[in-house]
Protein backbone atom coordinates (compact mmCIF):
# COMPACT_ATOMS: atom_id res chain seq x y z
CA MET A 1 27.59 -11.25 7.71
CA SER A 2 28.18 -14.17 5.32
CA GLY A 3 26.64 -12.01 2.46
CA ALA A 4 29.03 -9.18 3.42
CA VAL A 5 31.98 -11.52 3.20
CA GLU A 6 30.86 -12.77 -0.24
CA VAL A 7 30.69 -9.18 -1.62
CA LEU A 8 34.07 -8.20 -0.04
CA THR A 9 35.63 -11.35 -1.47
CA THR A 10 34.40 -10.61 -4.99
CA LYS A 11 35.65 -7.03 -4.76
CA PHE A 12 39.04 -7.50 -2.84
CA GLY A 13 39.89 -11.16 -3.17
CA GLU A 14 39.53 -14.28 -1.11
CA PRO A 15 40.84 -13.81 2.52
CA GLU A 16 42.52 -16.16 4.67
CA ARG A 17 40.01 -17.65 7.04
CA LEU A 18 41.63 -18.01 10.51
CA THR A 19 40.24 -19.22 13.74
CA CYS A 20 42.39 -18.00 16.72
CA SER A 21 42.07 -19.98 19.82
CA LEU A 22 42.46 -17.83 23.00
CA PRO A 23 42.45 -18.76 26.63
CA SER A 24 39.19 -16.86 26.93
CA ILE A 25 36.99 -14.73 24.70
CA ALA A 26 35.35 -12.93 27.74
CA PHE A 27 37.24 -9.50 27.21
CA PRO A 28 36.26 -6.40 25.19
CA PRO A 29 35.94 -5.83 22.37
CA VAL A 30 35.53 -9.61 21.55
CA SER A 31 32.79 -10.04 24.17
CA GLU A 32 31.02 -6.77 23.68
CA ARG A 33 30.65 -6.30 19.88
CA LYS A 34 28.65 -8.69 17.68
CA HIS A 35 29.35 -6.68 14.60
CA GLY A 36 33.08 -7.14 14.81
CA GLU A 37 35.75 -4.72 13.62
CA VAL A 38 37.81 -3.60 10.59
CA CYS A 39 41.47 -3.78 10.86
CA MET A 40 43.77 -1.57 8.65
CA ALA A 41 47.21 -2.57 7.32
CA ILE A 42 48.02 0.77 5.72
CA LEU A 43 51.14 0.69 3.68
CA ARG A 44 52.67 4.13 3.55
CA LYS A 45 54.42 5.66 0.53
CA ASN A 46 57.71 4.75 2.18
CA GLY A 47 56.98 0.97 2.22
CA ARG A 48 56.12 0.91 6.00
CA PHE A 49 53.00 -0.21 7.80
CA LEU A 50 51.36 2.16 10.29
CA LEU A 51 51.08 0.90 13.89
CA GLN A 52 49.61 2.74 16.81
CA THR A 53 49.27 2.72 20.60
CA LYS A 54 47.18 4.41 23.33
CA SER A 55 48.20 5.61 26.52
CA SER A 56 45.96 3.15 28.28
CA TYR A 57 47.92 0.18 26.73
CA PRO A 58 50.73 -1.31 29.01
CA ASN A 59 54.27 -0.77 27.88
CA SER A 60 52.95 1.29 24.91
CA VAL A 61 52.64 -1.83 22.83
CA MET A 62 52.05 -1.12 19.07
CA ARG A 63 49.17 -2.67 17.07
CA LEU A 64 47.49 -2.35 13.74
CA PRO A 65 44.73 0.47 13.70
CA SER A 66 41.28 -0.96 13.93
CA GLY A 67 37.72 0.17 14.56
CA GLY A 68 34.34 -1.29 15.30
CA ILE A 69 31.59 -1.94 12.66
CA LYS A 70 28.38 -0.27 13.69
CA ALA A 71 25.01 -2.20 13.68
CA GLY A 72 23.85 -2.27 10.18
CA GLU A 73 26.86 -0.62 8.75
CA ASP A 74 28.48 -1.99 5.52
CA VAL A 75 32.03 -3.36 6.23
CA GLU A 76 33.68 -1.35 3.48
CA HIS A 77 32.00 1.84 4.72
CA ALA A 78 33.19 0.97 8.26
CA LEU A 79 36.72 0.46 6.91
CA LEU A 80 36.87 3.87 5.10
CA ARG A 81 35.13 5.66 7.97
CA GLU A 82 37.69 4.30 10.46
CA VAL A 83 40.66 5.14 8.18
CA TRP A 84 39.32 8.71 8.15
CA GLU A 85 38.68 8.86 11.87
CA GLU A 86 41.98 7.46 12.95
CA THR A 87 44.53 8.50 10.24
CA ASN A 88 43.04 11.11 7.85
CA LEU A 89 44.81 9.35 5.09
CA GLU A 90 43.50 8.76 1.55
CA VAL A 91 43.94 5.10 0.73
CA SER A 92 43.09 2.58 -1.84
CA VAL A 93 41.73 -0.78 -0.64
CA ASP A 94 43.97 -3.46 -2.37
CA ARG A 95 43.08 -6.67 -0.65
CA PHE A 96 40.84 -8.56 1.82
CA VAL A 97 43.68 -10.19 3.70
CA ALA A 98 41.98 -12.19 6.39
CA LEU A 99 38.85 -12.95 8.29
CA LEU A 100 39.80 -13.74 11.79
CA ARG A 101 37.41 -15.49 14.21
CA TYR A 102 38.01 -16.17 17.87
CA GLU A 103 37.11 -19.17 20.11
CA ASP A 104 37.92 -20.46 23.61
CA ASP A 105 36.93 -23.83 25.35
CA THR A 106 33.36 -22.45 25.85
CA GLY A 107 32.66 -21.66 22.16
CA ARG A 108 33.22 -19.16 19.32
CA ALA A 109 32.65 -15.40 19.59
CA ALA A 110 30.25 -13.63 17.16
CA PHE A 111 32.97 -10.99 16.81
CA GLN A 112 35.12 -11.05 13.72
CA THR A 113 38.14 -9.09 12.52
CA PHE A 114 38.14 -8.08 8.80
CA LEU A 115 41.74 -7.35 7.97
CA PHE A 116 42.46 -5.21 4.88
CA PHE A 117 45.66 -4.27 3.01
CA LEU A 118 45.42 -0.55 2.07
CA ARG A 119 47.84 1.75 0.24
CA GLU A 120 48.21 5.43 1.16
CA PHE A 121 48.11 7.76 -1.79
CA ASP A 122 47.48 11.14 -0.12
CA GLY A 123 46.72 13.03 3.14
CA VAL A 124 48.55 13.99 6.27
CA LEU A 125 48.60 11.59 9.23
CA GLN A 126 46.45 12.89 11.95
CA THR A 127 43.54 11.75 14.10
CA ASN A 128 40.16 13.21 13.24
CA ASP A 129 38.42 11.73 16.23
CA PRO A 130 39.79 12.76 19.60
CA ASN A 131 37.96 9.87 21.29
CA GLU A 132 40.38 7.51 19.62
CA LYS A 133 43.01 8.56 22.23
CA ILE A 134 45.92 7.54 19.95
CA SER A 135 49.19 8.53 21.81
CA GLU A 136 51.73 7.48 19.24
CA TRP A 137 52.28 6.27 15.74
CA ARG A 138 55.00 4.09 14.48
CA GLU A 139 56.04 2.78 11.04
CA ALA A 140 57.28 -0.76 10.45
CA LEU A 141 58.82 -2.62 7.60
CA PRO A 142 57.18 -5.86 6.81
CA GLU A 143 59.99 -7.99 8.24
CA GLU A 144 59.75 -5.99 11.55
CA LEU A 145 56.02 -7.14 12.08
CA PRO A 146 56.76 -10.41 13.82
CA GLY A 147 58.73 -8.49 16.49
CA TYR A 148 55.56 -6.28 17.27
CA ALA A 149 53.32 -9.36 17.44
CA GLU A 150 55.78 -11.05 19.85
CA LYS A 151 55.64 -7.98 22.11
CA LEU A 152 51.87 -8.19 22.14
CA ARG A 153 52.03 -11.96 23.03
CA GLU A 154 54.41 -11.16 25.96
CA ILE A 155 52.20 -8.26 27.40
CA GLU A 156 51.50 -8.28 31.09
CA PRO A 157 49.17 -11.15 32.24
CA SER A 158 46.08 -9.07 33.02
CA TRP A 159 46.17 -7.98 29.33
CA GLY A 160 47.21 -11.38 27.94
CA ASN A 161 44.02 -12.29 25.97
CA TRP A 162 44.04 -8.88 24.40
CA GLY A 163 47.67 -9.11 23.41
CA LEU A 164 47.09 -12.54 21.83
CA PHE A 165 43.90 -11.27 20.09
CA ARG A 166 45.94 -8.13 18.66
CA ALA A 167 48.97 -10.20 17.83
CA ALA A 168 46.86 -12.45 15.34
CA ALA A 169 46.09 -9.63 12.95
CA ILE A 170 49.81 -8.76 12.79
CA ASP A 171 50.68 -12.38 12.29
CA ALA A 172 48.09 -12.59 9.37
CA LEU A 173 49.57 -9.48 7.87
CA SER A 174 53.05 -10.80 8.25
CA ASP A 175 52.11 -14.12 6.48
CA PHE A 176 50.40 -12.18 3.73
CA CYS A 177 53.55 -10.05 3.26
CA SER A 178 55.93 -13.03 3.18
CA GLY A 179 53.78 -14.87 0.60
CA SER A 180 52.98 -12.08 -1.89
CA ARG A 181 54.50 -9.19 -3.81
CA PHE A 182 52.40 -6.40 -2.59
């Protein structure tokens, strides 16, 4: 994956490299996928970021859209495939915002999150893959992002690690937004 990171960095800029300490890394998808995921910070034409939830999530918590990288798949290809599957939007990839890694007291997971800043330029929001089971979309202004991350951190205890894991990407995006003129 280090060669892939180098290519992405050359094309989309140097990402923040973050290590997130979690109480445990023994939960899906962190414990199940070695190839990691792409995470999509899609800025809509109205200046708001897309967030989503699934009916299986407790309290309908909202998170950034994301999707798995298949074995042997190029990260940029995975990103564009997931954008199409989940949103149907046409986007430009503006920035490689962050590379998030996860660890607990037992070690570091092979799983990584590649967070990208994307701009919508066309399309109609709809899910092209019914297996995604997205139950709701919401749009958030950059200054509203910390509130969504906080809700993820406060999720019910049985989902606690997952909530911390999903909050990390929103925190990274929020930091990016506060430190740049996107």
